Amino acid sequence: MSRLTHFDEAGAAHMVDVSGKATTDRVAVAEGWVRMSAKTLDIVRSGSAKKGDVIGVARLAGIMGAKRTADLVPLCHPLPLSKVALDLVPDDTLPGLRITATVATAGRTGVEMEALTAVSVACLTVYDMAKAVQKDMEIGGLRLLSKSGGKSGDWSAP
């Protein structure tokens, strides 16, 4: 079994030294969802929530979250992101919104945490903007779907 990379030989937490790694193109895709009532989804979809355009604001919040990941997750490297895109898709079968983030950079470490943070912040923003209508919404399904680039190569969720 591999050891956890964020701990040194003495067990102390540290930021991984990536200075010896090659710069490669890296992309990560993450997803999550916000489950809500059909009535709340209709309000979100119509843009008539009291706080405004839930989907548009949540998209911007996700982008901002990706850009601030190193400020939120203590051992993450600050990265120059070349792409942050969020898709927020209404799903009547959930019911709610399915949120996907795609993040890219050319760097020495991956952007998995940035993609996961983007989805998390977008989900929290949906909750914040719609909580006046429904307080028992549920956030879930946060996971990495895929990553590419770097020494470990490509990976996709089963």
Protein backbone atom coordinates (compact mmCIF):
# COMPACT_ATOMS: atom_id res chain seq x y z
CA MET A 1 0.00 0.00 0.00
CA SER A 2 1.27 3.51 -0.83
CA ARG A 3 1.81 5.95 1.99
CA LEU A 4 -0.18 9.15 2.29
CA THR A 5 1.80 11.85 0.50
CA HIS A 6 0.81 14.73 2.80
CA PHE A 7 2.72 13.28 5.76
CA ASP A 8 6.48 13.09 6.15
CA GLU A 9 8.41 10.14 7.62
CA ALA A 10 7.78 11.42 11.14
CA GLY A 11 4.02 11.68 10.52
CA ALA A 12 3.90 15.48 10.35
CA ALA A 13 1.63 17.10 7.77
CA HIS A 14 3.46 18.93 4.98
CA MET A 15 2.86 20.35 1.54
CA VAL A 16 4.12 17.90 -1.08
CA ASP A 17 7.20 19.11 -2.98
CA VAL A 18 6.22 19.10 -6.66
CA SER A 19 9.28 21.00 -7.90
CA GLY A 20 10.75 17.87 -9.51
CA LYS A 21 7.57 16.96 -11.39
CA ALA A 22 7.09 17.71 -15.07
CA THR A 23 4.61 20.35 -16.13
CA THR A 24 1.75 18.63 -17.96
CA ASP A 25 -1.78 19.48 -19.03
CA ARG A 26 -4.16 18.37 -16.31
CA VAL A 27 -7.95 18.17 -16.24
CA ALA A 28 -10.33 17.00 -13.52
CA VAL A 29 -14.11 16.57 -13.59
CA ALA A 30 -16.25 16.32 -10.45
CA GLU A 31 -19.97 16.08 -9.77
CA GLY A 32 -22.57 16.49 -7.07
CA TRP A 33 -26.27 17.28 -6.68
CA VAL A 34 -28.79 19.26 -4.69
CA ARG A 35 -32.07 17.43 -4.11
CA MET A 36 -35.14 19.60 -3.58
CA SER A 37 -38.88 19.44 -4.04
CA ALA A 38 -40.37 19.74 -7.51
CA LYS A 39 -41.89 23.07 -6.42
CA THR A 40 -38.48 24.44 -5.41
CA LEU A 41 -36.94 23.18 -8.64
CA ASP A 42 -39.63 25.03 -10.59
CA ILE A 43 -38.75 28.25 -8.74
CA VAL A 44 -35.02 27.74 -9.40
CA ARG A 45 -35.64 26.89 -13.04
CA SER A 46 -37.88 29.94 -13.59
CA GLY A 47 -35.39 32.35 -12.01
CA SER A 48 -38.03 33.65 -9.61
CA ALA A 49 -36.20 32.94 -6.32
CA LYS A 50 -36.09 35.95 -3.99
CA LYS A 51 -32.29 36.14 -4.25
CA GLY A 52 -32.33 35.98 -8.07
CA ASP A 53 -30.83 33.66 -10.67
CA VAL A 54 -29.87 30.62 -8.58
CA ILE A 55 -28.20 28.72 -11.42
CA GLY A 56 -26.21 31.70 -12.70
CA VAL A 57 -25.00 32.76 -9.26
CA ALA A 58 -24.13 29.17 -8.27
CA ARG A 59 -22.08 28.81 -11.49
CA LEU A 60 -20.09 31.95 -10.61
CA ALA A 61 -19.67 30.79 -7.00
CA GLY A 62 -18.29 27.46 -8.20
CA ILE A 63 -15.76 29.23 -10.42
CA MET A 64 -14.72 31.46 -7.53
CA GLY A 65 -14.48 28.43 -5.22
CA ALA A 66 -12.14 26.62 -7.60
CA LYS A 67 -9.90 29.69 -7.71
CA ARG A 68 -9.77 29.83 -3.88
CA THR A 69 -9.16 26.13 -3.18
CA ALA A 70 -5.64 26.67 -1.81
CA ASP A 71 -7.11 29.17 0.69
CA LEU A 72 -9.62 26.59 1.92
CA VAL A 73 -7.74 23.27 1.84
CA PRO A 74 -4.54 23.70 3.89
CA LEU A 75 -2.09 21.54 1.90
CA CYS A 76 -3.28 22.37 -1.64
CA HIS A 77 -0.91 24.22 -3.94
CA PRO A 78 -2.15 27.51 -5.41
CA LEU A 79 -2.53 26.83 -9.13
CA PRO A 80 -2.90 28.99 -12.23
CA LEU A 81 -6.17 27.62 -13.57
CA SER A 82 -6.69 27.80 -17.32
CA LYS A 83 -10.32 26.61 -17.27
CA VAL A 84 -13.16 26.34 -14.79
CA ALA A 85 -16.55 25.40 -16.26
CA LEU A 86 -19.68 24.42 -14.37
CA ASP A 87 -22.81 22.79 -15.71
CA LEU A 88 -25.92 23.02 -13.54
CA VAL A 89 -28.64 20.86 -15.02
CA PRO A 90 -32.18 20.59 -13.67
CA ASP A 91 -33.20 16.95 -13.19
CA ASP A 92 -36.88 16.22 -12.62
CA THR A 93 -36.12 12.64 -11.54
CA LEU A 94 -33.93 13.76 -8.62
CA PRO A 95 -35.68 16.30 -8.33
CA GLY A 96 -33.03 18.99 -8.17
CA LEU A 97 -29.87 20.17 -9.84
CA ARG A 98 -26.97 18.00 -11.01
CA ILE A 99 -23.74 19.97 -10.94
CA THR A 100 -20.56 19.13 -12.84
CA ALA A 101 -17.28 21.06 -12.78
CA THR A 102 -14.40 20.74 -15.23
CA VAL A 103 -11.10 22.34 -14.21
CA ALA A 104 -7.86 22.50 -16.20
CA THR A 105 -4.31 23.74 -15.79
CA ALA A 106 -0.83 23.18 -17.13
CA GLY A 107 1.13 22.44 -14.00
CA ARG A 108 3.04 20.10 -11.73
CA THR A 109 0.07 18.93 -9.67
CA GLY A 110 -3.52 18.03 -10.45
CA VAL A 111 -6.75 19.96 -10.19
CA GLU A 112 -8.94 17.33 -8.53
CA MET A 113 -9.40 19.41 -5.39
CA GLU A 114 -10.31 22.48 -7.43
CA ALA A 115 -13.02 20.54 -9.30
CA LEU A 116 -14.41 19.10 -6.05
CA THR A 117 -14.35 22.53 -4.40
CA ALA A 118 -16.13 24.10 -7.38
CA VAL A 119 -18.98 21.59 -7.11
CA SER A 120 -19.17 21.94 -3.32
CA VAL A 121 -19.37 25.73 -3.40
CA ALA A 122 -21.94 25.67 -6.22
CA CYS A 123 -24.09 23.22 -4.22
CA LEU A 124 -23.84 25.36 -1.09
CA THR A 125 -24.79 28.45 -3.09
CA VAL A 126 -27.89 26.71 -4.48
CA TYR A 127 -28.87 25.84 -0.91
CA ASP A 128 -28.24 29.39 0.32
CA MET A 129 -30.27 30.96 -2.46
CA ALA A 130 -33.24 28.58 -2.18
CA LYS A 131 -33.38 27.98 1.58
CA ALA A 132 -36.10 30.61 2.00
CA VAL A 133 -38.38 28.28 0.03
CA GLN A 134 -37.11 24.93 1.33
CA LYS A 135 -34.81 24.26 4.27
CA ASP A 136 -34.67 20.46 3.96
CA MET A 137 -32.84 20.33 0.64
CA GLU A 138 -30.14 17.68 0.50
CA ILE A 139 -26.63 17.97 -0.94
CA GLY A 140 -24.87 14.79 -2.01
CA GLY A 141 -23.08 12.70 -4.58
CA LEU A 142 -19.85 14.71 -4.40
CA ARG A 143 -17.18 12.73 -6.21
CA LEU A 144 -14.38 12.88 -8.71
CA LEU A 145 -15.46 11.56 -12.12
CA SER A 146 -12.12 11.71 -13.91
CA LYS A 147 -8.65 13.19 -13.99
CA SER A 148 -6.00 13.30 -16.68
CA GLY A 149 -2.36 14.26 -16.85
CA GLY A 150 0.54 13.87 -14.50
CA LYS A 151 2.73 10.97 -13.50
CA SER A 152 -0.18 8.74 -12.47
CA GLY A 153 -1.91 9.23 -15.84
CA ASP A 154 -5.60 9.16 -16.57
CA TRP A 155 -8.28 7.88 -14.19
CA SER A 156 -12.07 7.57 -14.49
CA ALA A 157 -14.61 6.59 -11.86
CA PRO A 158 -16.08 3.13 -12.36
